[in-house]
Amino acid sequence: MATVALTTENFSSTVDANDVVLIDFWAGWCNPCMRFAPIYDEASSRHEDVTFAKVDTEDQQDLSAALDITSIPTIMAFRSGYLVFRQAGLLPGAQLDELIGKVKELDPEELKKQAAS
């Protein structure tokens, strides 16, 4: 599955319209980002029920600043519109698959209750 390029304009609508969204914040000059890119792409082919997205931090500086991205690569995961994971650093494929599995297991109703309290 191809990744979605996120911008300030489509970030919220993408996160809100999809059940599970995984976002990779990256830049072309970042060596760890370039090493992570094929891992991320391979995971997208294994998890077709997940929306895989990327934010080019050089091109989308306002979005990156608004989300307080200070280190790349940074991975964010959203479940039913709720941010449930955020981590800077490269993840190996097995850890990425494990993360995706855990995000899928989260109960959206429970997330809604937690956000309300």
Protein backbone atom coordinates (compact mmCIF):
# COMPACT_ATOMS: atom_id res chain seq x y z
CA MET A 1 0.00 0.00 0.00
CA ALA A 2 1.33 3.43 -0.89
CA THR A 3 1.96 5.96 1.85
CA VAL A 4 0.02 9.20 2.10
CA ALA A 5 1.98 12.46 2.08
CA LEU A 6 0.66 14.55 4.94
CA THR A 7 0.53 18.33 4.94
CA THR A 8 -0.96 20.95 7.20
CA GLU A 9 -4.04 20.85 4.98
CA ASN A 10 -4.76 17.10 5.11
CA PHE A 11 -3.30 16.04 8.47
CA SER A 12 -6.46 16.29 10.59
CA SER A 13 -8.79 14.87 7.96
CA THR A 14 -6.49 11.88 7.40
CA VAL A 15 -6.16 11.13 11.11
CA ASP A 16 -9.90 11.57 11.72
CA ALA A 17 -11.11 9.58 8.70
CA ASN A 18 -9.04 6.42 9.28
CA ASP A 19 -9.16 3.85 12.07
CA VAL A 20 -5.39 3.34 12.45
CA VAL A 21 -2.89 5.88 11.13
CA LEU A 22 0.86 5.49 11.41
CA ILE A 23 2.96 8.56 10.61
CA ASP A 24 6.66 8.73 9.83
CA PHE A 25 8.26 12.18 10.24
CA TRP A 26 11.40 12.28 8.12
CA ALA A 27 13.80 14.39 6.04
CA GLY A 28 15.88 13.57 2.99
CA TRP A 29 19.18 14.46 4.70
CA CYS A 30 18.51 12.17 7.69
CA ASN A 31 20.43 8.88 7.44
CA PRO A 32 18.34 7.03 10.06
CA CYS A 33 15.22 8.19 8.18
CA MET A 34 16.58 6.74 4.95
CA ARG A 35 17.36 3.43 6.71
CA PHE A 36 13.86 3.35 8.19
CA ALA A 37 12.05 4.11 4.89
CA PRO A 38 12.21 0.54 3.45
CA ILE A 39 11.18 -0.95 6.82
CA TYR A 40 8.17 1.37 6.87
CA ASP A 41 7.28 0.62 3.24
CA GLU A 42 7.50 -3.14 3.82
CA ALA A 43 5.21 -2.86 6.86
CA SER A 44 2.66 -0.97 4.76
CA SER A 45 2.40 -3.96 2.43
CA ARG A 46 1.80 -6.31 5.40
CA HIS A 47 -0.82 -4.14 7.10
CA GLU A 48 -3.23 -3.03 4.40
CA ASP A 49 -5.85 -2.08 6.99
CA VAL A 50 -3.56 0.67 8.36
CA THR A 51 -3.08 4.08 6.78
CA PHE A 52 0.64 4.72 6.46
CA ALA A 53 1.57 8.37 6.12
CA LYS A 54 4.72 10.44 5.92
CA VAL A 55 5.55 14.02 6.80
CA ASP A 56 8.56 15.57 5.11
CA THR A 57 9.73 17.81 7.94
CA GLU A 58 11.69 20.05 5.56
CA ASP A 59 8.64 20.68 3.37
CA GLN A 60 6.12 20.79 6.22
CA GLN A 61 7.97 22.85 8.81
CA ASP A 62 4.82 24.46 10.22
CA LEU A 63 3.13 21.09 10.75
CA SER A 64 6.29 19.63 12.29
CA ALA A 65 6.60 22.60 14.65
CA ALA A 66 2.92 22.41 15.62
CA LEU A 67 3.41 18.73 16.54
CA ASP A 68 6.65 19.52 18.41
CA ILE A 69 8.82 17.28 16.24
CA THR A 70 12.37 17.86 17.48
CA SER A 71 14.04 14.63 16.39
CA ILE A 72 13.67 12.44 13.32
CA PRO A 73 12.65 9.90 12.47
CA THR A 74 9.65 10.21 14.77
CA ILE A 75 6.77 7.76 14.61
CA MET A 76 3.24 8.64 15.70
CA ALA A 77 0.31 6.25 15.83
CA PHE A 78 -3.34 7.27 15.98
CA ARG A 79 -6.30 5.01 16.77
CA SER A 80 -9.74 6.39 15.97
CA GLY A 81 -8.32 9.92 15.94
CA TYR A 82 -6.48 9.61 19.27
CA LEU A 83 -2.71 9.84 19.54
CA VAL A 84 -1.69 6.58 21.21
CA PHE A 85 2.04 6.37 20.47
CA ARG A 86 4.89 8.76 19.79
CA GLN A 87 8.57 7.91 19.69
CA ALA A 88 11.69 9.34 18.12
CA GLY A 89 14.15 6.92 16.60
CA LEU A 90 14.33 4.12 14.09
CA LEU A 91 12.23 1.02 14.79
CA PRO A 92 13.26 -2.41 13.46
CA GLY A 93 10.62 -4.22 11.41
CA ALA A 94 9.61 -6.65 14.16
CA GLN A 95 9.09 -3.81 16.66
CA LEU A 96 7.09 -1.85 14.10
CA ASP A 97 4.83 -4.86 13.48
CA GLU A 98 4.42 -5.32 17.24
CA LEU A 99 3.50 -1.65 17.65
CA ILE A 100 0.92 -1.88 14.87
CA GLY A 101 -0.61 -4.97 16.47
CA LYS A 102 -0.90 -3.22 19.85
CA VAL A 103 -2.48 -0.13 18.29
CA LYS A 104 -5.05 -2.28 16.47
CA GLU A 105 -5.95 -3.99 19.77
CA LEU A 106 -6.83 -0.71 21.50
CA ASP A 107 -10.53 -0.22 22.20
CA PRO A 108 -11.75 3.05 20.61
CA GLU A 109 -14.51 3.37 23.21
CA GLU A 110 -11.99 3.12 26.01
CA LEU A 111 -9.85 5.79 24.33
CA LYS A 112 -12.91 8.03 24.13
CA LYS A 113 -13.61 7.51 27.86
CA GLN A 114 -10.00 8.29 28.75
CA ALA A 115 -10.03 11.45 26.67
CA ALA A 116 -13.25 12.62 28.31
CA SER A 117 -11.86 12.25 31.84
